[in-house]
């Protein structure tokens, strides 16, 4: 007799036991229920989400460092790495400026703040200071200077991604210059450290459902669902503008690479749901890097484009800032001229680049924009305090998708994307037989298989690793 199909409860239990997506989805729903039914209890659950985020942040900097160093060393071409960085910056500027323009046009068409007739004198400007901790956004000069590390250890201790990137580029360049004969154990050691970090990511991700449960309970417990009624028009507009921008991203991805954004969304559904629940793209950055590498993007492209995008390509934040600026102007009865709106775009193009990692950065950017216009009272920014957390979901999804599309597009542009592998992975086909850069077991099985052209096998650190031909020379070729 054929074996009987498992009962429905058993199938559900198996899905909950094996599927991270199902676990996170259930945690999301439970968090909303607890926040709605027991708001006082829910606010005490904040450490659950914060603790998970802190654990993830501890491994982001070393992971980025390892991926970038290995990417440069294996690619064997520092000039190619420079081209990837330049093309990424061009893509970031175009994408973030487009997001700002879409937000501005949407706010002009819908007028989300019209009819509110808010008296700025009744607003508590000190609430904004409490949200931002009295900080300020760095100037362009400060931003550039702060990107330069003052110490090797300090960059990791402060979790400054741009500083870590610069250190990784220097170390990768030094490996190419010295050659493998002078430092035969360094590259294998960094590769092994990278695999250890990915294993830690796997351990920490098991706590993701708990983090999502705590974060959602705190959100609903603190703000309730009533805020959606008060700011319904603004919320709907922001999410609709984000949907339009994502649709444009899908078109751009299809034109540049031939890949489907919908299939990619399905591929990273667990990470997307986790980002939604915790309102943090940093919480999923290690896993997304791993999946982009598995989907055929080369290490150096993933290691440079994705972390850099966290500072330079905040598309969701750009949408929110442009819509938010016009919303507070309309709410207090200020009619901004075309020239003033162009000023808004120019100011936000600068201020949005220095937002990453700064508490209350959106309010700092809005305050800076209001001050530059001179027509909007600074206290009017407090109007967005009640709705800002609701917008996090829109921002993190748009930011994350914008950066992932940038990785694929720049990789394709530079010839650093295995398109056939990407299509197979996004179609859900089994690629276990193909060497997976994110799985150390696959690399161990395929001894020397799938090595890039111009590489040699070398005994190091108890295993066989692919070493660029350039690293076997005493001196590297000139970089100019």
Protein backbone atom coordinates (compact mmCIF):
# COMPACT_ATOMS: atom_id res chain seq x y z
CA UNK A 1 0.00 0.00 0.00
CA UNK A 2 1.26 3.50 -0.78
CA UNK A 3 2.26 5.49 2.29
CA UNK A 4 -0.49 7.72 3.60
CA UNK A 5 -0.10 11.47 3.27
CA UNK A 6 0.76 13.24 6.53
CA UNK A 7 -2.12 14.95 8.26
CA UNK A 8 -2.64 18.70 8.00
CA UNK A 9 -1.38 19.45 11.55
CA UNK A 10 1.79 17.48 10.81
CA UNK A 11 2.36 19.33 7.54
CA UNK A 12 1.88 22.67 9.28
CA UNK A 13 4.23 21.64 12.09
CA UNK A 14 6.87 20.55 9.55
CA UNK A 15 6.61 23.84 7.66
CA UNK A 16 6.94 25.83 10.87
CA UNK A 17 9.94 23.73 11.88
CA UNK A 18 11.81 24.00 8.57
CA UNK A 19 10.73 27.27 6.94
CA UNK A 20 12.22 30.52 8.22
CA UNK A 21 9.65 32.42 6.15
CA UNK A 22 6.76 30.68 7.92
CA UNK A 23 8.34 31.24 11.33
CA UNK A 24 8.87 34.95 10.70
CA UNK A 25 5.37 35.37 9.24
CA UNK A 26 3.79 33.79 12.32
CA UNK A 27 5.96 35.91 14.60
CA UNK A 28 4.84 39.02 12.70
CA UNK A 29 1.16 38.21 13.24
CA UNK A 30 1.68 37.29 16.90
CA UNK A 31 3.59 40.53 17.49
CA UNK A 32 0.73 42.59 16.05
CA UNK A 33 -1.82 40.75 18.22
CA UNK A 34 0.21 41.16 21.41
CA UNK A 35 0.83 44.83 20.66
CA UNK A 36 -2.87 45.43 20.08
CA UNK A 37 -4.23 43.41 23.01
CA UNK A 38 -1.55 44.07 25.65
CA UNK A 39 0.26 47.30 24.72
CA UNK A 40 1.80 47.73 28.18
CA UNK A 41 3.38 44.29 28.01
CA UNK A 42 4.43 44.80 24.38
CA UNK A 43 6.62 47.81 25.14
CA UNK A 44 8.74 45.64 27.44
CA UNK A 45 9.64 43.35 24.52
CA UNK A 46 11.95 45.90 22.88
CA UNK A 47 15.16 44.07 23.93
CA UNK A 48 14.16 41.10 21.74
CA UNK A 49 14.48 43.06 18.50
CA UNK A 50 17.36 45.22 19.71
CA UNK A 51 19.38 42.21 20.84
CA UNK A 52 19.06 40.49 17.47
CA UNK A 53 20.09 43.64 15.61
CA UNK A 54 23.13 44.05 17.86
CA UNK A 55 24.21 40.46 17.17
CA UNK A 56 23.92 40.97 13.42
CA UNK A 57 25.82 44.27 13.54
CA UNK A 58 28.78 42.58 15.24
CA UNK A 59 29.44 40.46 12.14
CA UNK A 60 28.69 42.95 9.35
CA UNK A 61 32.07 44.71 9.36
CA UNK A 62 34.26 41.58 9.45
CA UNK A 63 32.06 39.97 6.79
CA UNK A 64 32.32 42.95 4.44
CA UNK A 65 36.08 43.07 5.01
CA UNK A 66 36.56 39.37 4.19
CA UNK A 67 34.30 39.41 1.11
CA UNK A 68 35.98 42.50 -0.37
CA UNK A 69 39.56 41.33 0.29
CA UNK A 70 38.86 37.88 -1.18
CA UNK A 71 37.00 39.47 -4.10
CA UNK A 72 39.92 41.74 -5.01
CA UNK A 73 42.50 38.99 -4.55
CA UNK A 74 40.62 36.42 -6.61
CA UNK A 75 39.65 38.87 -9.34
CA UNK A 76 43.31 39.83 -9.51
CA UNK A 77 42.55 43.22 -10.99
CA UNK A 78 42.37 46.32 -8.81
CA UNK A 79 41.44 48.51 -11.77
CA UNK A 80 38.33 46.39 -12.35
CA UNK A 81 37.40 46.93 -8.72
CA UNK A 82 37.75 50.69 -9.21
CA UNK A 83 35.49 50.52 -12.26
CA UNK A 84 32.86 48.65 -10.25
CA UNK A 85 32.96 51.37 -7.58
CA UNK A 86 32.62 54.18 -10.11
CA UNK A 87 29.74 52.51 -11.94
CA UNK A 88 28.02 51.82 -8.63
CA UNK A 89 28.21 55.49 -7.63
CA UNK A 90 26.77 56.53 -11.01
CA UNK A 91 23.90 54.07 -10.58
CA UNK A 92 23.29 55.22 -7.00
CA UNK A 93 23.10 58.88 -7.94
CA UNK A 94 20.66 58.25 -10.80
CA UNK A 95 18.45 55.98 -8.68
CA UNK A 96 18.30 58.20 -5.60
CA UNK A 97 17.66 61.33 -7.68
CA UNK A 98 14.83 59.51 -9.48
CA UNK A 99 13.35 58.55 -6.11
CA UNK A 100 13.47 62.18 -4.96
CA UNK A 101 11.74 63.35 -8.15
CA UNK A 102 9.02 60.69 -7.90
CA UNK A 103 8.32 61.73 -4.32
CA UNK A 104 8.17 65.39 -5.23
CA UNK A 105 5.80 64.83 -8.16
CA UNK A 106 3.57 62.54 -6.07
CA UNK A 107 3.29 65.09 -3.25
CA UNK A 108 2.42 67.85 -5.74
CA UNK A 109 -0.31 65.74 -7.33
CA UNK A 110 -1.94 64.39 -4.15
CA UNK A 111 -1.27 67.22 -1.62
CA UNK A 112 -1.21 64.91 1.45
CA UNK A 113 -0.91 67.79 3.94
CA UNK A 114 -3.59 70.08 2.50
CA UNK A 115 -6.45 70.95 4.81
CA UNK A 116 -4.62 70.18 8.05
CA UNK A 117 -4.13 73.92 8.84
CA UNK A 118 -1.61 73.27 11.60
CA UNK A 119 -0.39 76.18 13.70
CA UNK A 120 3.42 75.76 13.99
CA UNK A 121 3.33 77.49 17.40
CA UNK A 122 1.41 74.54 18.83
CA UNK A 123 4.10 72.03 17.85
CA UNK A 124 6.78 70.90 20.28
CA UNK A 125 10.13 71.30 18.51
CA UNK A 126 11.94 69.78 21.48
CA UNK A 127 10.38 66.43 20.60
CA UNK A 128 12.47 66.38 17.43
CA UNK A 129 15.62 67.09 19.45
CA UNK A 130 14.76 64.16 21.70
CA UNK A 131 14.33 61.93 18.64
CA UNK A 132 17.67 62.95 17.10
CA UNK A 133 19.60 63.19 20.35
CA UNK A 134 20.56 66.75 19.49
CA UNK A 135 22.81 65.50 16.68
CA UNK A 136 23.35 66.85 13.20
CA UNK A 137 24.14 65.52 9.76
CA UNK A 138 27.77 65.80 8.66
CA UNK A 139 28.70 68.28 5.96
CA UNK A 140 30.05 66.94 2.66
CA UNK A 141 33.63 67.57 3.81
CA UNK A 142 33.00 65.91 7.18
CA UNK A 143 31.36 62.95 5.45
CA UNK A 144 34.40 62.38 3.23
CA UNK A 145 36.89 62.83 6.07
CA UNK A 146 34.88 60.56 8.38
CA UNK A 147 35.00 57.84 5.71
CA UNK A 148 38.77 57.64 6.22
CA UNK A 149 39.77 55.36 9.10
CA UNK A 150 41.87 56.68 11.96
CA UNK A 151 42.82 53.20 13.13
CA UNK A 152 42.47 49.66 11.82
CA UNK A 153 40.65 48.39 14.90
CA UNK A 154 38.56 51.55 15.33
CA UNK A 155 36.80 51.07 11.98
CA UNK A 156 35.53 47.68 13.12
CA UNK A 157 34.76 48.82 16.66
CA UNK A 158 32.63 51.71 15.39
CA UNK A 159 31.05 49.50 12.69
CA UNK A 160 31.81 52.14 10.05
CA UNK A 161 31.19 50.37 6.74
CA UNK A 162 32.87 52.97 4.55
CA UNK A 163 36.03 52.87 6.68
CA UNK A 164 36.00 49.06 6.61
CA UNK A 165 35.63 49.15 2.82
CA UNK A 166 38.66 51.40 2.47
CA UNK A 167 40.73 49.12 4.73
CA UNK A 168 39.59 46.08 2.75
CA UNK A 169 40.61 47.73 -0.53
CA UNK A 170 44.04 48.53 0.90
CA UNK A 171 44.55 44.98 2.17
CA UNK A 172 43.36 43.47 -1.12
CA UNK A 173 45.70 45.76 -3.07
CA UNK A 174 48.58 44.83 -0.77
CA UNK A 175 47.92 41.11 -1.36
CA UNK A 176 48.09 41.67 -5.11
CA UNK A 177 51.29 43.69 -4.78
CA UNK A 178 53.13 41.27 -2.49
CA UNK A 179 52.14 38.13 -4.34
CA UNK A 180 51.30 34.73 -2.90
CA UNK A 181 54.91 33.68 -2.46
CA UNK A 182 55.49 36.37 0.18
CA UNK A 183 52.21 35.96 2.09
CA UNK A 184 51.04 32.41 1.30
CA UNK A 185 48.77 31.98 4.34
CA UNK A 186 46.93 35.31 4.46
CA UNK A 187 44.33 34.79 1.71
CA UNK A 188 43.37 31.24 2.82
CA UNK A 189 43.04 32.49 6.40
CA UNK A 190 40.71 35.31 5.34
CA UNK A 191 38.64 32.85 3.28
CA UNK A 192 38.33 30.53 6.26
CA UNK A 193 37.36 33.46 8.51
CA UNK A 194 34.67 34.36 5.97
CA UNK A 195 33.17 30.86 6.18
CA UNK A 196 33.18 31.04 9.98
CA UNK A 197 31.30 34.36 9.83
CA UNK A 198 28.69 32.89 7.48
CA UNK A 199 28.23 30.00 9.92
CA UNK A 200 27.65 32.52 12.72
CA UNK A 201 25.07 34.26 10.52
CA UNK A 202 23.24 30.94 10.26
CA UNK A 203 23.19 30.58 14.05
CA UNK A 204 21.96 34.14 14.65
CA UNK A 205 19.24 33.88 11.98
CA UNK A 206 17.54 31.19 14.04
CA UNK A 207 16.60 33.98 16.44
CA UNK A 208 14.94 36.03 13.68
CA UNK A 209 11.32 35.06 14.55
CA UNK A 210 11.85 36.15 18.17
CA UNK A 211 13.27 39.48 16.98
CA UNK A 212 10.36 40.11 14.61
CA UNK A 213 7.83 39.24 17.32
CA UNK A 214 9.39 41.72 19.75
CA UNK A 215 9.82 44.51 17.19
CA UNK A 216 6.23 44.31 15.90
CA UNK A 217 4.75 44.11 19.39
CA UNK A 218 6.65 47.27 20.39
CA UNK A 219 5.57 49.09 17.22
CA UNK A 220 1.85 48.36 17.67
CA UNK A 221 2.03 48.80 21.45
CA UNK A 222 3.61 52.25 21.20
CA UNK A 223 1.75 53.69 18.23
CA UNK A 224 -1.38 51.55 17.90
CA UNK A 225 -3.33 51.34 14.68
CA UNK A 226 -5.01 54.74 15.13
CA UNK A 227 -2.06 56.57 13.59
CA UNK A 228 -2.95 54.98 10.26
CA UNK A 229 -6.30 56.80 10.32
CA UNK A 230 -4.72 60.15 11.20
CA UNK A 231 -2.01 60.00 8.55
CA UNK A 232 -3.79 57.66 6.13
CA UNK A 233 -3.37 59.90 3.07
CA UNK A 234 0.35 60.38 3.65
CA UNK A 235 0.96 56.68 4.35
CA UNK A 236 -0.92 55.54 1.25
CA UNK A 237 0.93 58.08 -0.90
CA UNK A 238 4.36 57.02 0.37
CA UNK A 239 3.65 53.34 -0.17
CA UNK A 240 2.13 53.98 -3.63
CA UNK A 241 5.17 56.05 -4.66
CA UNK A 242 7.44 53.26 -3.37
CA UNK A 243 5.46 50.71 -5.39
CA UNK A 244 5.94 52.84 -8.52
CA UNK A 245 9.66 53.11 -7.86
CA UNK A 246 9.96 49.34 -7.33
CA UNK A 247 8.11 48.80 -10.62
CA UNK A 248 10.70 51.01 -12.33
CA UNK A 249 13.44 48.98 -10.64
CA UNK A 250 11.87 45.82 -12.07
CA UNK A 251 11.90 47.32 -15.57
CA UNK A 252 15.52 48.44 -15.18
CA UNK A 253 16.60 45.00 -13.91
CA UNK A 254 14.84 43.29 -16.83
CA UNK A 255 16.40 45.63 -19.40
CA UNK A 256 19.93 45.43 -18.00
CA UNK A 257 20.14 41.77 -16.98
CA UNK A 258 17.01 39.99 -18.23
CA UNK A 259 16.24 38.89 -14.66
CA UNK A 260 12.85 39.10 -12.98
CA UNK A 261 12.51 41.20 -9.83
CA UNK A 262 9.46 39.18 -8.80
CA UNK A 263 11.50 35.96 -8.88
CA UNK A 264 14.24 37.67 -6.91
CA UNK A 265 11.68 38.80 -4.32
CA UNK A 266 10.53 35.21 -3.99
CA UNK A 267 14.18 34.13 -3.64
CA UNK A 268 14.82 36.53 -0.71
CA UNK A 269 11.34 36.37 0.83
CA UNK A 270 12.66 35.34 4.27
CA UNK A 271 15.11 38.25 4.37
CA UNK A 272 12.48 40.69 3.10
CA UNK A 273 9.99 39.66 5.78
CA UNK A 274 12.69 39.93 8.45
CA UNK A 275 13.63 43.42 7.24
CA UNK A 276 9.95 44.39 7.39
CA UNK A 277 9.53 43.03 10.90
CA UNK A 278 12.66 44.56 12.39
CA UNK A 279 12.57 47.76 10.26
CA UNK A 280 16.28 47.27 9.59
CA UNK A 281 18.14 46.42 6.39
CA UNK A 282 21.29 45.79 8.43
CA UNK A 283 19.54 42.81 10.03
CA UNK A 284 19.51 40.99 6.68
CA UNK A 285 22.66 42.33 5.06
CA UNK A 286 24.86 39.24 5.72
CA UNK A 287 22.22 36.83 4.38
CA UNK A 288 21.51 38.99 1.35
CA UNK A 289 25.23 39.13 0.54
CA UNK A 290 25.32 35.35 0.75
CA UNK A 291 22.32 34.96 -1.55
CA UNK A 292 23.60 37.46 -4.12
CA UNK A 293 26.87 35.53 -4.31
CA UNK A 294 24.94 32.29 -4.71
CA UNK A 295 22.90 33.91 -7.50
CA UNK A 296 26.01 34.48 -9.61
CA UNK A 297 27.21 37.95 -8.62
CA UNK A 298 30.99 38.02 -8.18
CA UNK A 299 32.46 38.52 -4.70
CA UNK A 300 34.10 41.86 -5.47
CA UNK A 301 30.87 43.31 -6.91
CA UNK A 302 28.74 42.13 -3.98
CA UNK A 303 31.32 43.19 -1.41
CA UNK A 304 31.64 46.71 -2.78
CA UNK A 305 28.22 47.63 -4.20
CA UNK A 306 25.91 46.37 -1.44
CA UNK A 307 27.69 47.91 1.60
CA UNK A 308 28.37 51.17 -0.26
CA UNK A 309 24.69 51.35 -1.18
CA UNK A 310 23.82 51.46 2.53
CA UNK A 311 25.33 54.97 2.61
CA UNK A 312 24.84 56.23 -0.95
CA UNK A 313 21.67 54.56 -2.24
CA UNK A 314 18.85 55.12 0.27
CA UNK A 315 16.06 55.15 -2.31
CA UNK A 316 13.23 54.59 0.17
CA UNK A 317 14.54 57.33 2.44
CA UNK A 318 14.82 59.70 -0.54
CA UNK A 319 11.17 59.08 -1.45
CA UNK A 320 10.08 59.69 2.12
CA UNK A 321 12.14 62.85 2.53
CA UNK A 322 10.81 64.56 -0.60
CA UNK A 323 7.19 63.65 0.20
CA UNK A 324 7.66 64.53 3.89
CA UNK A 325 9.09 67.96 3.10
CA UNK A 326 6.09 68.92 0.97
CA UNK A 327 3.69 67.34 3.48
CA UNK A 328 4.85 69.54 6.37
CA UNK A 329 4.86 72.60 4.10
CA UNK A 330 1.27 71.93 3.01
CA UNK A 331 0.19 71.13 6.59
CA UNK A 332 1.33 74.55 7.87
CA UNK A 333 -0.03 76.36 4.83
CA UNK A 334 3.26 77.16 3.05
CA UNK A 335 3.10 77.08 -0.74
CA UNK A 336 6.55 76.22 -2.09
CA UNK A 337 7.47 77.68 -5.46
CA UNK A 338 9.12 75.66 -8.24
CA UNK A 339 12.48 77.20 -7.36
CA UNK A 340 12.10 76.22 -3.71
CA UNK A 341 11.17 72.68 -4.69
CA UNK A 342 14.27 72.44 -6.86
CA UNK A 343 16.22 73.59 -3.80
CA UNK A 344 14.59 70.76 -1.86
CA UNK A 345 15.91 68.25 -4.41
CA UNK A 346 19.43 69.70 -4.36
CA UNK A 347 19.60 69.81 -0.55
CA UNK A 348 18.25 66.28 -0.16
CA UNK A 349 20.70 64.96 -2.78
CA UNK A 350 23.45 65.99 -0.37
CA UNK A 351 21.88 65.34 3.04
CA UNK A 352 20.54 61.89 2.13
CA UNK A 353 24.09 60.63 1.48
CA UNK A 354 25.20 61.10 5.08
CA UNK A 355 22.17 59.58 6.81
CA UNK A 356 23.25 55.99 7.37
CA UNK A 357 23.80 55.02 10.99
CA UNK A 358 22.78 58.38 12.49
CA UNK A 359 19.89 58.32 15.01
CA UNK A 360 16.85 60.22 13.77
CA UNK A 361 18.63 60.93 10.46
CA UNK A 362 15.37 61.46 8.57
CA UNK A 363 14.39 64.28 10.94
CA UNK A 364 17.84 65.80 10.74
CA UNK A 365 17.62 65.81 6.94
CA UNK A 366 14.11 67.30 7.04
CA UNK A 367 15.22 69.96 9.51
CA UNK A 368 18.21 70.84 7.34
CA UNK A 369 15.95 71.12 4.30
CA UNK A 370 13.43 73.29 6.15
CA UNK A 371 16.23 75.58 7.36
CA UNK A 372 17.69 75.94 3.86
CA UNK A 373 14.32 77.00 2.48
CA UNK A 374 13.65 79.50 5.25
CA UNK A 375 9.91 79.22 4.61
CA UNK A 376 9.02 76.19 6.72
CA UNK A 377 9.15 76.50 10.54
CA UNK A 378 11.67 74.09 12.01
CA UNK A 379 9.12 72.86 14.55
CA UNK A 380 6.84 71.65 11.74
CA UNK A 381 9.08 68.59 11.35
CA UNK A 382 7.50 67.30 14.57
CA UNK A 383 4.36 66.57 12.54
CA UNK A 384 6.01 63.41 11.24
CA UNK A 385 7.00 62.02 14.65
CA UNK A 386 3.83 59.96 14.98
CA UNK A 387 4.07 58.34 11.56
CA UNK A 388 7.81 57.93 11.08
CA UNK A 389 7.99 54.38 12.46
CA UNK A 390 5.11 53.30 10.18
CA UNK A 391 7.19 54.45 7.21
CA UNK A 392 10.13 52.24 8.17
CA UNK A 393 8.65 49.25 6.33
CA UNK A 394 8.42 51.23 3.10
CA UNK A 395 11.93 52.59 3.50
CA UNK A 396 13.66 49.31 4.29
CA UNK A 397 12.00 47.38 1.46
CA UNK A 398 12.75 50.08 -1.12
CA UNK A 399 16.30 50.58 0.13
CA UNK A 400 17.02 46.85 0.12
CA UNK A 401 15.57 46.21 -3.34
CA UNK A 402 17.31 49.27 -4.74
CA UNK A 403 20.69 48.04 -3.51
CA UNK A 404 20.14 44.46 -4.69
CA UNK A 405 19.15 45.63 -8.16
CA UNK A 406 22.26 47.84 -8.16
CA UNK A 407 24.43 44.77 -7.43
CA UNK A 408 22.96 42.85 -10.37
CA UNK A 409 23.04 45.82 -12.73
CA UNK A 410 26.61 46.89 -11.95
CA UNK A 411 27.78 43.26 -12.00
CA UNK A 412 26.25 42.79 -15.44
CA UNK A 413 27.69 46.11 -16.60
CA UNK A 414 31.17 45.05 -15.49
CA UNK A 415 30.92 41.42 -16.66
CA UNK A 416 30.95 40.16 -13.06
CA UNK A 417 27.61 38.32 -13.20
CA UNK A 418 27.11 34.64 -14.07
CA UNK A 419 23.79 35.20 -15.82
CA UNK A 420 23.02 31.53 -16.43
CA UNK A 421 23.55 30.71 -12.77
CA UNK A 422 21.42 33.69 -11.73
CA UNK A 423 18.51 32.52 -13.88
CA UNK A 424 18.74 28.98 -12.53
CA UNK A 425 18.84 30.14 -8.92
CA UNK A 426 15.93 32.57 -9.33
CA UNK A 427 13.93 29.88 -11.12
CA UNK A 428 14.44 27.62 -8.12
CA UNK A 429 16.53 25.07 -10.02
CA UNK A 430 19.01 22.86 -8.18
CA UNK A 431 22.49 24.34 -8.55
CA UNK A 432 24.15 22.14 -5.93
CA UNK A 433 26.37 20.64 -8.61
CA UNK A 434 27.71 24.09 -9.40
CA UNK A 435 30.29 25.55 -7.05
CA UNK A 436 28.50 27.79 -4.58
CA UNK A 437 30.72 30.55 -3.17
CA UNK A 438 28.52 30.75 -0.09
CA UNK A 439 28.87 27.07 0.76
CA UNK A 440 32.28 25.86 1.90
CA UNK A 441 31.24 22.24 1.42
CA UNK A 442 30.69 22.76 -2.30
CA UNK A 443 34.12 24.29 -2.69
CA UNK A 444 35.75 21.41 -0.87
CA UNK A 445 34.05 18.87 -3.13
CA UNK A 446 35.05 20.54 -6.37
CA UNK A 447 38.82 20.55 -5.94
CA UNK A 448 40.01 23.11 -8.43
CA UNK A 449 36.71 23.03 -10.35
CA UNK A 450 35.15 26.30 -11.39
CA UNK A 451 38.34 28.29 -10.77
CA UNK A 452 38.48 31.57 -12.64
CA UNK A 453 40.77 31.82 -15.62
CA UNK A 454 44.35 32.65 -14.69
CA UNK A 455 44.32 30.95 -11.30
CA UNK A 456 46.58 28.28 -9.85
CA UNK A 457 46.00 25.77 -7.08
CA UNK A 458 48.11 26.20 -3.98
CA UNK A 459 48.48 24.16 -0.77
CA UNK A 460 47.55 26.38 2.12
CA UNK A 461 45.93 26.14 5.55
CA UNK A 462 45.15 22.45 5.20
CA UNK A 463 43.08 22.74 2.01
CA UNK A 464 43.28 23.67 -1.62
CA UNK A 465 42.27 27.18 -2.58
CA UNK A 466 42.08 29.04 -5.88
CA UNK A 467 44.84 31.64 -5.96
CA UNK A 468 45.06 34.27 -8.70
CA UNK A 469 48.06 33.94 -10.96
CA UNK A 470 49.05 37.47 -10.00
CA UNK A 471 49.52 36.35 -6.39
CA UNK A 472 52.17 33.78 -7.44
CA UNK A 473 54.48 36.48 -8.67
CA UNK A 474 56.95 38.42 -6.58
CA UNK A 475 55.48 41.66 -7.81
CA UNK A 476 52.07 42.53 -9.14
CA UNK A 477 51.56 44.25 -12.50
CA UNK A 478 51.39 48.00 -12.45
CA UNK A 479 47.99 49.29 -11.53
CA UNK A 480 48.05 52.22 -13.90
